[in-house]
Amino acid sequence: ESTTADERLPHVEDPERLDAVVAEFDGQGPTDEDIVG
């Protein structure tokens, strides 16, 4: 069964690490360009 409702996403308490993952996946979009990184 799905457990995604209970499993916390990774790095979400560390914005800098999270934003490094965004860059790793070439994931920057315009919506949050002013926030991410």
PDB file of all heavy atoms in Angstrom:
ATOM      1  N   GLU A   1       0.818  -1.199   0.000  1.00  0.00           N
ATOM      2  CA  GLU A   1       0.000   0.000   0.000  1.00  0.00           C
ATOM      3  C   GLU A   1       0.860   1.260   0.000  1.00  0.00           C
ATOM      4  O   GLU A   1       2.043   1.239   0.374  1.00  0.00           O
ATOM      5  CB  GLU A   1      -0.924   0.009   1.225  1.00  0.00           C
ATOM      6  CG  GLU A   1      -1.945  -1.118   1.226  1.00  0.00           C
ATOM      7  CD  GLU A   1      -2.896  -1.021   2.397  1.00  0.00           C
ATOM      8  OE1 GLU A   1      -2.683  -0.147   3.276  1.00  0.00           O
ATOM      9  OE2 GLU A   1      -3.856  -1.823   2.442  1.00  0.00           O
ATOM     10  N   SER A   2       0.265   2.367  -0.396  1.00  0.00           N
ATOM     11  CA  SER A   2       0.966   3.651  -0.399  1.00  0.00           C
ATOM     12  C   SER A   2       1.239   4.110   1.030  1.00  0.00           C
ATOM     13  O   SER A   2       0.375   4.013   1.908  1.00  0.00           O
ATOM     14  CB  SER A   2       0.126   4.716  -1.104  1.00  0.00           C
ATOM     15  OG  SER A   2       0.768   5.970  -1.055  1.00  0.00           O
ATOM     16  N   THR A   3       2.455   4.616   1.239  1.00  0.00           N
ATOM     17  CA  THR A   3       2.820   5.168   2.555  1.00  0.00           C
ATOM     18  C   THR A   3       3.244   6.633   2.452  1.00  0.00           C
ATOM     19  O   THR A   3       3.770   7.194   3.420  1.00  0.00           O
ATOM     20  CB  THR A   3       3.959   4.354   3.193  1.00  0.00           C
ATOM     21  OG1 THR A   3       5.122   4.402   2.337  1.00  0.00           O
ATOM     22  CG2 THR A   3       3.550   2.912   3.416  1.00  0.00           C
ATOM     23  N   THR A   4       3.014   7.256   1.292  1.00  0.00           N
ATOM     24  CA  THR A   4       3.532   8.610   1.079  1.00  0.00           C
ATOM     25  C   THR A   4       2.872   9.653   1.963  1.00  0.00           C
ATOM     26  O   THR A   4       3.439  10.739   2.173  1.00  0.00           O
ATOM     27  CB  THR A   4       3.387   9.032  -0.393  1.00  0.00           C
ATOM     28  OG1 THR A   4       2.002   8.920  -0.790  1.00  0.00           O
ATOM     29  CG2 THR A   4       4.247   8.162  -1.289  1.00  0.00           C
ATOM     30  N   ALA A   5       1.694   9.365   2.486  1.00  0.00           N
ATOM     31  CA  ALA A   5       1.031  10.336   3.362  1.00  0.00           C
ATOM     32  C   ALA A   5       1.715  10.423   4.731  1.00  0.00           C
ATOM     33  O   ALA A   5       1.533  11.416   5.447  1.00  0.00           O
ATOM     34  CB  ALA A   5      -0.435   9.964   3.548  1.00  0.00           C
ATOM     35  N   ASP A   6       2.508   9.413   5.058  1.00  0.00           N
ATOM     36  CA  ASP A   6       3.135   9.362   6.380  1.00  0.00           C
ATOM     37  C   ASP A   6       4.656   9.486   6.340  1.00  0.00           C
ATOM     38  O   ASP A   6       5.273   9.705   7.382  1.00  0.00           O
ATOM     39  CB  ASP A   6       2.769   8.038   7.069  1.00  0.00           C
ATOM     40  CG  ASP A   6       1.275   7.865   7.212  1.00  0.00           C
ATOM     41  OD1 ASP A   6       0.610   8.802   7.683  1.00  0.00           O
ATOM     42  OD2 ASP A   6       0.763   6.795   6.816  1.00  0.00           O
ATOM     43  N   GLU A   7       5.243   9.330   5.170  1.00  0.00           N
ATOM     44  CA  GLU A   7       6.702   9.362   5.035  1.00  0.00           C
ATOM     45  C   GLU A   7       7.144  10.785   4.668  1.00  0.00           C
ATOM     46  O   GLU A   7       6.819  11.289   3.603  1.00  0.00           O
ATOM     47  CB  GLU A   7       7.159   8.384   3.943  1.00  0.00           C
ATOM     48  CG  GLU A   7       6.822   6.933   4.233  1.00  0.00           C
ATOM     49  CD  GLU A   7       7.917   6.256   5.040  1.00  0.00           C
ATOM     50  OE1 GLU A   7       8.939   6.908   5.331  1.00  0.00           O
ATOM     51  OE2 GLU A   7       7.738   5.070   5.368  1.00  0.00           O
ATOM     52  N   ARG A   8       7.899  11.399   5.550  1.00  0.00           N
ATOM     53  CA  ARG A   8       8.349  12.773   5.313  1.00  0.00           C
ATOM     54  C   ARG A   8       9.315  12.823   4.127  1.00  0.00           C
ATOM     55  O   ARG A   8      10.171  11.949   3.967  1.00  0.00           O
ATOM     56  CB  ARG A   8       9.031  13.311   6.575  1.00  0.00           C
ATOM     57  CG  ARG A   8       9.179  14.818   6.604  1.00  0.00           C
ATOM     58  CD  ARG A   8       9.488  15.270   8.025  1.00  0.00           C
ATOM     59  NE  ARG A   8       9.682  16.700   8.113  1.00  0.00           N
ATOM     60  CZ  ARG A   8       8.697  17.590   8.194  1.00  0.00           C
ATOM     61  NH1 ARG A   8       7.455  17.171   8.185  1.00  0.00           N
ATOM     62  NH2 ARG A   8       8.950  18.876   8.296  1.00  0.00           N
ATOM     63  N   LEU A   9       9.180  13.843   3.296  1.00  0.00           N
ATOM     64  CA  LEU A   9      10.094  14.019   2.174  1.00  0.00           C
ATOM     65  C   LEU A   9      11.500  14.352   2.673  1.00  0.00           C
ATOM     66  O   LEU A   9      11.659  14.947   3.749  1.00  0.00           O
ATOM     67  CB  LEU A   9       9.585  15.142   1.264  1.00  0.00           C
ATOM     68  CG  LEU A   9       8.385  14.774   0.383  1.00  0.00           C
ATOM     69  CD1 LEU A   9       7.679  16.032  -0.110  1.00  0.00           C
ATOM     70  CD2 LEU A   9       8.822  13.911  -0.790  1.00  0.00           C
ATOM     71  N   PRO A  10      12.535  14.004   1.910  1.00  0.00           N
ATOM     72  CA  PRO A  10      13.907  14.217   2.376  1.00  0.00           C
ATOM     73  C   PRO A  10      14.346  15.672   2.261  1.00  0.00           C
ATOM     74  O   PRO A  10      13.863  16.421   1.405  1.00  0.00           O
ATOM     75  CB  PRO A  10      14.732  13.332   1.424  1.00  0.00           C
ATOM     76  CG  PRO A  10      13.948  13.315   0.163  1.00  0.00           C
ATOM     77  CD  PRO A  10      12.505  13.324   0.600  1.00  0.00           C
ATOM     78  N   HIS A  11      15.250  16.062   3.139  1.00  0.00           N
ATOM     79  CA  HIS A  11      15.939  17.362   3.102  1.00  0.00           C
ATOM     80  C   HIS A  11      15.024  18.560   3.367  1.00  0.00           C
ATOM     81  O   HIS A  11      15.468  19.700   3.234  1.00  0.00           O
ATOM     82  CB  HIS A  11      16.650  17.576   1.754  1.00  0.00           C
ATOM     83  CG  HIS A  11      17.428  16.393   1.274  1.00  0.00           C
ATOM     84  ND1 HIS A  11      18.373  15.770   2.042  1.00  0.00           N
ATOM     85  CD2 HIS A  11      17.382  15.712   0.093  1.00  0.00           C
ATOM     86  CE1 HIS A  11      18.901  14.757   1.354  1.00  0.00           C
ATOM     87  NE2 HIS A  11      18.305  14.692   0.186  1.00  0.00           N
ATOM     88  N   VAL A  12      13.773  18.331   3.744  1.00  0.00           N
ATOM     89  CA  VAL A  12      12.829  19.447   3.801  1.00  0.00           C
ATOM     90  C   VAL A  12      13.016  20.323   5.035  1.00  0.00           C
ATOM     91  O   VAL A  12      12.370  21.370   5.153  1.00  0.00           O
ATOM     92  CB  VAL A  12      11.363  18.963   3.706  1.00  0.00           C
ATOM     93  CG1 VAL A  12      11.096  18.369   2.337  1.00  0.00           C
ATOM     94  CG2 VAL A  12      11.019  17.967   4.809  1.00  0.00           C
ATOM     95  N   GLU A  13      13.894  19.919   5.948  1.00  0.00           N
ATOM     96  CA  GLU A  13      14.236  20.788   7.074  1.00  0.00           C
ATOM     97  C   GLU A  13      15.536  21.542   6.816  1.00  0.00           C
ATOM     98  O   GLU A  13      16.006  22.294   7.677  1.00  0.00           O
ATOM     99  CB  GLU A  13      14.356  19.958   8.360  1.00  0.00           C
ATOM    100  CG  GLU A  13      13.073  19.230   8.742  1.00  0.00           C
ATOM    101  CD  GLU A  13      11.864  20.143   8.786  1.00  0.00           C
ATOM    102  OE1 GLU A  13      11.996  21.304   9.260  1.00  0.00           O
ATOM    103  OE2 GLU A  13      10.783  19.717   8.334  1.00  0.00           O
ATOM    104  N   ASP A  14      16.104  21.352   5.627  1.00  0.00           N
ATOM    105  CA  ASP A  14      17.379  21.977   5.276  1.00  0.00           C
ATOM    106  C   ASP A  14      17.229  22.617   3.900  1.00  0.00           C
ATOM    107  O   ASP A  14      17.565  21.999   2.883  1.00  0.00           O
ATOM    108  CB  ASP A  14      18.493  20.925   5.279  1.00  0.00           C
ATOM    109  CG  ASP A  14      19.867  21.525   5.001  1.00  0.00           C
ATOM    110  OD1 ASP A  14      19.944  22.724   4.672  1.00  0.00           O
ATOM    111  OD2 ASP A  14      20.860  20.770   5.094  1.00  0.00           O
ATOM    112  N   PRO A  15      16.724  23.852   3.833  1.00  0.00           N
ATOM    113  CA  PRO A  15      16.465  24.480   2.532  1.00  0.00           C
ATOM    114  C   PRO A  15      17.676  24.531   1.613  1.00  0.00           C
ATOM    115  O   PRO A  15      17.536  24.362   0.386  1.00  0.00           O
ATOM    116  CB  PRO A  15      15.980  25.884   2.905  1.00  0.00           C
ATOM    117  CG  PRO A  15      15.394  25.731   4.270  1.00  0.00           C
ATOM    118  CD  PRO A  15      16.244  24.705   4.941  1.00  0.00           C
ATOM    119  N   GLU A  16      18.859  24.743   2.162  1.00  0.00           N
ATOM    120  CA  GLU A  16      20.053  24.799   1.308  1.00  0.00           C
ATOM    121  C   GLU A  16      20.318  23.452   0.644  1.00  0.00           C
ATOM    122  O   GLU A  16      20.634  23.388  -0.553  1.00  0.00           O
ATOM    123  CB  GLU A  16      21.268  25.244   2.122  1.00  0.00           C
ATOM    124  CG  GLU A  16      21.238  26.714   2.518  1.00  0.00           C
ATOM    125  CD  GLU A  16      22.554  27.154   3.145  1.00  0.00           C
ATOM    126  OE1 GLU A  16      23.518  26.348   3.141  1.00  0.00           O
ATOM    127  OE2 GLU A  16      22.615  28.294   3.645  1.00  0.00           O
ATOM    128  N   ARG A  17      20.192  22.381   1.409  1.00  0.00           N
ATOM    129  CA  ARG A  17      20.379  21.046   0.831  1.00  0.00           C
ATOM    130  C   ARG A  17      19.275  20.745  -0.175  1.00  0.00           C
ATOM    131  O   ARG A  17      19.529  20.170  -1.240  1.00  0.00           O
ATOM    132  CB  ARG A  17      20.363  20.004   1.952  1.00  0.00           C
ATOM    133  CG  ARG A  17      20.475  18.564   1.460  1.00  0.00           C
ATOM    134  CD  ARG A  17      21.869  18.259   0.965  1.00  0.00           C
ATOM    135  NE  ARG A  17      21.970  16.901   0.454  1.00  0.00           N
ATOM    136  CZ  ARG A  17      21.796  16.549  -0.821  1.00  0.00           C
ATOM    137  NH1 ARG A  17      21.519  17.482  -1.736  1.00  0.00           N
ATOM    138  NH2 ARG A  17      21.896  15.289  -1.190  1.00  0.00           N
ATOM    139  N   LEU A  18      18.078  21.143   0.144  1.00  0.00           N
ATOM    140  CA  LEU A  18      16.955  20.937  -0.757  1.00  0.00           C
ATOM    141  C   LEU A  18      17.171  21.676  -2.071  1.00  0.00           C
ATOM    142  O   LEU A  18      16.932  21.137  -3.163  1.00  0.00           O
ATOM    143  CB  LEU A  18      15.670  21.412  -0.074  1.00  0.00           C
ATOM    144  CG  LEU A  18      14.332  21.079  -0.708  1.00  0.00           C
ATOM    145  CD1 LEU A  18      14.170  19.588  -0.923  1.00  0.00           C
ATOM    146  CD2 LEU A  18      13.203  21.615   0.161  1.00  0.00           C
ATOM    147  N   ASP A  19      17.656  22.906  -1.990  1.00  0.00           N
ATOM    148  CA  ASP A  19      17.881  23.688  -3.202  1.00  0.00           C
ATOM    149  C   ASP A  19      19.041  23.133  -4.023  1.00  0.00           C
ATOM    150  O   ASP A  19      19.063  23.256  -5.251  1.00  0.00           O
ATOM    151  CB  ASP A  19      18.126  25.150  -2.844  1.00  0.00           C
ATOM    152  CG  ASP A  19      16.865  25.823  -2.302  1.00  0.00           C
ATOM    153  OD1 ASP A  19      15.794  25.193  -2.358  1.00  0.00           O
ATOM    154  OD2 ASP A  19      16.959  26.962  -1.812  1.00  0.00           O
ATOM    155  N   ALA A  20      19.994  22.486  -3.346  1.00  0.00           N
ATOM    156  CA  ALA A  20      21.066  21.810  -4.079  1.00  0.00           C
ATOM    157  C   ALA A  20      20.501  20.642  -4.892  1.00  0.00           C
ATOM    158  O   ALA A  20      20.960  20.361  -6.008  1.00  0.00           O
ATOM    159  CB  ALA A  20      22.143  21.319  -3.124  1.00  0.00           C
ATOM    160  N   VAL A  21      19.489  19.971  -4.352  1.00  0.00           N
ATOM    161  CA  VAL A  21      18.837  18.876  -5.070  1.00  0.00           C
ATOM    162  C   VAL A  21      18.070  19.431  -6.271  1.00  0.00           C
ATOM    163  O   VAL A  21      18.067  18.823  -7.353  1.00  0.00           O
ATOM    164  CB  VAL A  21      17.901  18.091  -4.132  1.00  0.00           C
ATOM    165  CG1 VAL A  21      17.117  17.042  -4.905  1.00  0.00           C
ATOM    166  CG2 VAL A  21      18.695  17.429  -3.023  1.00  0.00           C
ATOM    167  N   VAL A  22      17.428  20.576  -6.102  1.00  0.00           N
ATOM    168  CA  VAL A  22      16.760  21.231  -7.239  1.00  0.00           C
ATOM    169  C   VAL A  22      17.763  21.450  -8.369  1.00  0.00           C
ATOM    170  O   VAL A  22      17.498  21.128  -9.535  1.00  0.00           O
ATOM    171  CB  VAL A  22      16.131  22.571  -6.814  1.00  0.00           C
ATOM    172  CG1 VAL A  22      15.606  23.327  -8.042  1.00  0.00           C
ATOM    173  CG2 VAL A  22      14.995  22.350  -5.813  1.00  0.00           C
ATOM    174  N   ALA A  23      18.920  21.988  -8.037  1.00  0.00           N
ATOM    175  CA  ALA A  23      19.944  22.239  -9.052  1.00  0.00           C
ATOM    176  C   ALA A  23      20.440  20.939  -9.670  1.00  0.00           C
ATOM    177  O   ALA A  23      20.673  20.865 -10.886  1.00  0.00           O
ATOM    178  CB  ALA A  23      21.109  23.010  -8.430  1.00  0.00           C
ATOM    179  N   GLU A  24      20.592  19.921  -8.856  1.00  0.00           N
ATOM    180  CA  GLU A  24      21.062  18.626  -9.351  1.00  0.00           C
ATOM    181  C   GLU A  24      20.135  18.068 -10.417  1.00  0.00           C
ATOM    182  O   GLU A  24      20.585  17.479 -11.411  1.00  0.00           O
ATOM    183  CB  GLU A  24      21.161  17.659  -8.172  1.00  0.00           C
ATOM    184  CG  GLU A  24      21.633  16.273  -8.548  1.00  0.00           C
ATOM    185  CD  GLU A  24      21.630  15.332  -7.351  1.00  0.00           C
ATOM    186  OE1 GLU A  24      21.405  15.792  -6.207  1.00  0.00           O
ATOM    187  OE2 GLU A  24      21.853  14.120  -7.565  1.00  0.00           O
ATOM    188  N   PHE A  25      18.833  18.248 -10.232  1.00  0.00           N
ATOM    189  CA  PHE A  25      17.845  17.738 -11.180  1.00  0.00           C
ATOM    190  C   PHE A  25      17.456  18.782 -12.232  1.00  0.00           C
ATOM    191  O   PHE A  25      16.494  18.579 -12.969  1.00  0.00           O
ATOM    192  CB  PHE A  25      16.584  17.270 -10.449  1.00  0.00           C
ATOM    193  CG  PHE A  25      16.755  15.976  -9.710  1.00  0.00           C
ATOM    194  CD1 PHE A  25      16.656  15.933  -8.330  1.00  0.00           C
ATOM    195  CD2 PHE A  25      17.009  14.799 -10.393  1.00  0.00           C
ATOM    196  CE1 PHE A  25      16.800  14.733  -7.639  1.00  0.00           C
ATOM    197  CE2 PHE A  25      17.149  13.593  -9.715  1.00  0.00           C
ATOM    198  CZ  PHE A  25      17.047  13.560  -8.334  1.00  0.00           C
ATOM    199  N   ASP A  26      18.204  19.883 -12.308  1.00  0.00           N
ATOM    200  CA  ASP A  26      17.900  20.966 -13.241  1.00  0.00           C
ATOM    201  C   ASP A  26      16.429  21.360 -13.110  1.00  0.00           C
ATOM    202  O   ASP A  26      15.705  21.490 -14.086  1.00  0.00           O
ATOM    203  CB  ASP A  26      18.226  20.552 -14.680  1.00  0.00           C
ATOM    204  CG  ASP A  26      18.188  21.726 -15.652  1.00  0.00           C
ATOM    205  OD1 ASP A  26      18.296  22.880 -15.192  1.00  0.00           O
ATOM    206  OD2 ASP A  26      18.041  21.485 -16.870  1.00  0.00           O
ATOM    207  N   GLY A  27      16.021  21.552 -11.845  1.00  0.00           N
ATOM    208  CA  GLY A  27      14.602  21.674 -11.565  1.00  0.00           C
ATOM    209  C   GLY A  27      14.076  23.065 -11.310  1.00  0.00           C
ATOM    210  O   GLY A  27      12.931  23.217 -10.883  1.00  0.00           O
ATOM    211  N   GLN A  28      14.865  24.110 -11.533  1.00  0.00           N
ATOM    212  CA  GLN A  28      14.398  25.450 -11.212  1.00  0.00           C
ATOM    213  C   GLN A  28      13.320  25.920 -12.183  1.00  0.00           C
ATOM    214  O   GLN A  28      13.520  25.933 -13.386  1.00  0.00           O
ATOM    215  CB  GLN A  28      15.557  26.447 -11.247  1.00  0.00           C
ATOM    216  CG  GLN A  28      15.147  27.870 -10.911  1.00  0.00           C
ATOM    217  CD  GLN A  28      14.623  27.983  -9.486  1.00  0.00           C
ATOM    218  OE1 GLN A  28      15.382  27.872  -8.545  1.00  0.00           O
ATOM    219  NE2 GLN A  28      13.320  28.194  -9.336  1.00  0.00           N
ATOM    220  N   GLY A  29      12.179  26.319 -11.642  1.00  0.00           N
ATOM    221  CA  GLY A  29      11.107  26.888 -12.447  1.00  0.00           C
ATOM    222  C   GLY A  29      10.874  28.329 -12.067  1.00  0.00           C
ATOM    223  O   GLY A  29      11.362  28.805 -11.035  1.00  0.00           O
ATOM    224  N   PRO A  30      10.110  29.067 -12.873  1.00  0.00           N
ATOM    225  CA  PRO A  30       9.907  30.491 -12.602  1.00  0.00           C
ATOM    226  C   PRO A  30       9.044  30.784 -11.386  1.00  0.00           C
ATOM    227  O   PRO A  30       9.160  31.848 -10.794  1.00  0.00           O
ATOM    228  CB  PRO A  30       9.245  31.007 -13.883  1.00  0.00           C
ATOM    229  CG  PRO A  30       8.586  29.810 -14.487  1.00  0.00           C
ATOM    230  CD  PRO A  30       9.479  28.654 -14.136  1.00  0.00           C
ATOM    231  N   THR A  31       8.177  29.849 -10.985  1.00  0.00           N
ATOM    232  CA  THR A  31       7.250  30.127  -9.894  1.00  0.00           C
ATOM    233  C   THR A  31       7.965  30.570  -8.629  1.00  0.00           C
ATOM    234  O   THR A  31       7.580  31.544  -7.977  1.00  0.00           O
ATOM    235  CB  THR A  31       6.387  28.884  -9.580  1.00  0.00           C
ATOM    236  OG1 THR A  31       5.642  28.530 -10.748  1.00  0.00           O
ATOM    237  CG2 THR A  31       5.435  29.164  -8.434  1.00  0.00           C
ATOM    238  N   ASP A  32       9.025  29.855  -8.267  1.00  0.00           N
ATOM    239  CA  ASP A  32       9.705  30.092  -6.992  1.00  0.00           C
ATOM    240  C   ASP A  32      11.150  30.521  -7.195  1.00  0.00           C
ATOM    241  O   ASP A  32      12.007  30.317  -6.337  1.00  0.00           O
ATOM    242  CB  ASP A  32       9.627  28.862  -6.103  1.00  0.00           C
ATOM    243  CG  ASP A  32      10.005  27.590  -6.838  1.00  0.00           C
ATOM    244  OD1 ASP A  32      10.732  27.656  -7.850  1.00  0.00           O
ATOM    245  OD2 ASP A  32       9.577  26.500  -6.401  1.00  0.00           O
ATOM    246  N   GLU A  33      11.429  31.149  -8.321  1.00  0.00           N
ATOM    247  CA  GLU A  33      12.794  31.559  -8.657  1.00  0.00           C
ATOM    248  C   GLU A  33      13.396  32.491  -7.617  1.00  0.00           C
ATOM    249  O   GLU A  33      14.597  32.510  -7.390  1.00  0.00           O
ATOM    250  CB  GLU A  33      12.772  32.228 -10.030  1.00  0.00           C
ATOM    251  CG  GLU A  33      14.113  32.563 -10.633  1.00  0.00           C
ATOM    252  CD  GLU A  33      13.940  33.148 -12.014  1.00  0.00           C
ATOM    253  OE1 GLU A  33      13.312  32.489 -12.863  1.00  0.00           O
ATOM    254  OE2 GLU A  33      14.430  34.268 -12.245  1.00  0.00           O
ATOM    255  N   ASP A  34      12.552  33.286  -6.968  1.00  0.00           N
ATOM    256  CA  ASP A  34      13.041  34.240  -5.975  1.00  0.00           C
ATOM    257  C   ASP A  34      13.336  33.589  -4.628  1.00  0.00           C
ATOM    258  O   ASP A  34      14.003  34.178  -3.778  1.00  0.00           O
ATOM    259  CB  ASP A  34      12.011  35.357  -5.776  1.00  0.00           C
ATOM    260  CG  ASP A  34      10.655  34.827  -5.334  1.00  0.00           C
ATOM    261  OD1 ASP A  34      10.206  33.817  -5.915  1.00  0.00           O
ATOM    262  OD2 ASP A  34      10.039  35.410  -4.427  1.00  0.00           O
ATOM    263  N   ILE A  35      12.831  32.368  -4.416  1.00  0.00           N
ATOM    264  CA  ILE A  35      12.968  31.681  -3.136  1.00  0.00           C
ATOM    265  C   ILE A  35      14.051  30.614  -3.181  1.00  0.00           C
ATOM    266  O   ILE A  35      14.906  30.537  -2.311  1.00  0.00           O
ATOM    267  CB  ILE A  35      11.617  31.030  -2.726  1.00  0.00           C
ATOM    268  CG1 ILE A  35      10.518  32.089  -2.608  1.00  0.00           C
ATOM    269  CG2 ILE A  35      11.781  30.236  -1.445  1.00  0.00           C
ATOM    270  CD1 ILE A  35      10.756  33.112  -1.519  1.00  0.00           C
ATOM    271  N   VAL A  36      14.006  29.767  -4.195  1.00  0.00           N
ATOM    272  CA  VAL A  36      14.897  28.616  -4.270  1.00  0.00           C
ATOM    273  C   VAL A  36      16.319  29.076  -4.556  1.00  0.00           C
ATOM    274  O   VAL A  36      16.591  29.769  -5.531  1.00  0.00           O
ATOM    275  CB  VAL A  36      14.422  27.629  -5.355  1.00  0.00           C
ATOM    276  CG1 VAL A  36      15.421  26.489  -5.526  1.00  0.00           C
ATOM    277  CG2 VAL A  36      13.042  27.087  -4.998  1.00  0.00           C
ATOM    278  N   GLY A  37      17.224  28.711  -3.667  1.00  0.00           N
ATOM    279  CA  GLY A  37      18.619  29.110  -3.827  1.00  0.00           C
ATOM    280  C   GLY A  37      18.926  30.526  -3.378  1.00  0.00           C
ATOM    281  O   GLY A  37      20.075  30.954  -3.396  1.00  0.00           O
TER     282      GLY A  37
END
